[in-house]
Amino acid sequence: MSLSEATCYRGAIAYWTVGPQYVSDVFPELLGRENSFLCIDFALPTSVAMLAGLAKASGQSLTDPHLFLHLRSFKGQPEVTNAGRDMPQHLLHPKMFLIDRRDETAELWVGSHNWTKRAIGGLNFEATIVIHLLRQSPLYAEALAELEYMRSCCDAFDLEQAGYYLWLQGLVPEHLFFECEGKQVQALSDQRLLLFGGNAEDFTDSDGVHVNRPVYLVVGDSQSGKIHPYKATIRTVSLQQTDIAKLAHGQADITSARWLYRTDCSLPVLKQHDPEHVAELTQAAYCVDLQVGEPMKEYLHILSITKKDRWRPDPMSKLKTRLQDQNLFESYEKTPERNSFAEQAKDLNKDVKILQPAPFQAVAERYTPTLHELRQKIHPKLFFRRQTAESLE
């Protein structure tokens, strides 16, 4: 009801997991109006997918942003040892909304509700106070200033970086890639591919190679040089000689399957089934049976940095400035107990480090290898782990 009478909306909240219609059908249009904005913390359980839907529905753009993410991490010890180990150490944590109404009044909402189904739907015990006030009141000005300050500590939500936000949340899984070359590889869909290897160390750390695991097959055409990427699935994996011999002899009606034998770190070459090589294949240290799926329409964005590199110091952090503010506790009544608390807080904040994510452009690259590049690259393992920032389609 409040949103239906609103002309402008400003808010900040920790977690968002619902579609905009779960709250109000008019909310996306309201959020897209001039001066409206919403700040959300990116930490889980915030749903990037739901925020992306809200951004699209509100007409979000980087030149006219209305949806903002609090993309900050924290290094330090803000609580007693082991406290809060399963939750972020630093959050945009308010549940605060300022709603301008048509009659020049406003509503200020402050409470405990996040915008999640269990908070709004009633599973949680929550409480919010709604204050009706004039827009000329000091409280309105203070609330607006606080919300705008929080917005200044956030970044505009970029729809093109939704996959990157998921990666920062730790939700993007590692993908296994297998790279090889061969002839007549432009139509491998629905075929079986037998991988044999002479080095059992390919599996010393298991590498995530297991039955039914989705992988990506990247095959260079030895004649044209064109790269053909496919989705694939691991059917079987074994280091047992009986299984290896069974696949090598083609006893499972796979005489038409393509195969390759990986012996070193160079780019493996895909070959047609040939009875003359059966004896060689039976001596392999392992075998992997792949079912090739549909071709990929386009490549993924591959993130090549390590987990520890995803966050960088934020030397201009406004939060750090606030923590170092000597006047932060001056409003307290001067008592020994409060003075002691203020000094402890200041000492604690001396070691606080605020981090921001590395720029998307600095950590992502389009995975579009050439056959020459694949041949020049060292291939130390059968499959390669790669972090991805975007899905295929």
Foldseek 3Di string as FASTA:
>chain_A
DLLVQFQEKFWEAEAADDAPVVPPPCVLCRLLDPPHAYEYELAPPHDLVRVLNSCVSNVADQVRFRYWYQFKAKDADQDPPPPPPPGGPDTRHWGWMWTQGPVQKIKIKGWRAGNDCCRVVPVDDIDIDIDIGGCPDPVVVVSVVVRVVVRVNTGGDDSVQSLVSCVVNVNFDWAKEFEAEEAPPQDCAQAKEKEFEADPVLCVVPQVDAFQGKHKYWYAHPPPQAIWIFIKGWHHKDQDLVVQLCVLVCVVVRQQHWYWYDYFFFHIYIGGRDNVCSVVRSNTRMMIMMGTHGIFPFFFWWFDDDPVQFKDFDPPRPVLVQQQDPCNQVVDDDDPVSVVVNVVSNVRSVPMTMIGGDDPVVGIDGPRDTPVVRRPDTRHHRIDITGTRDDRD
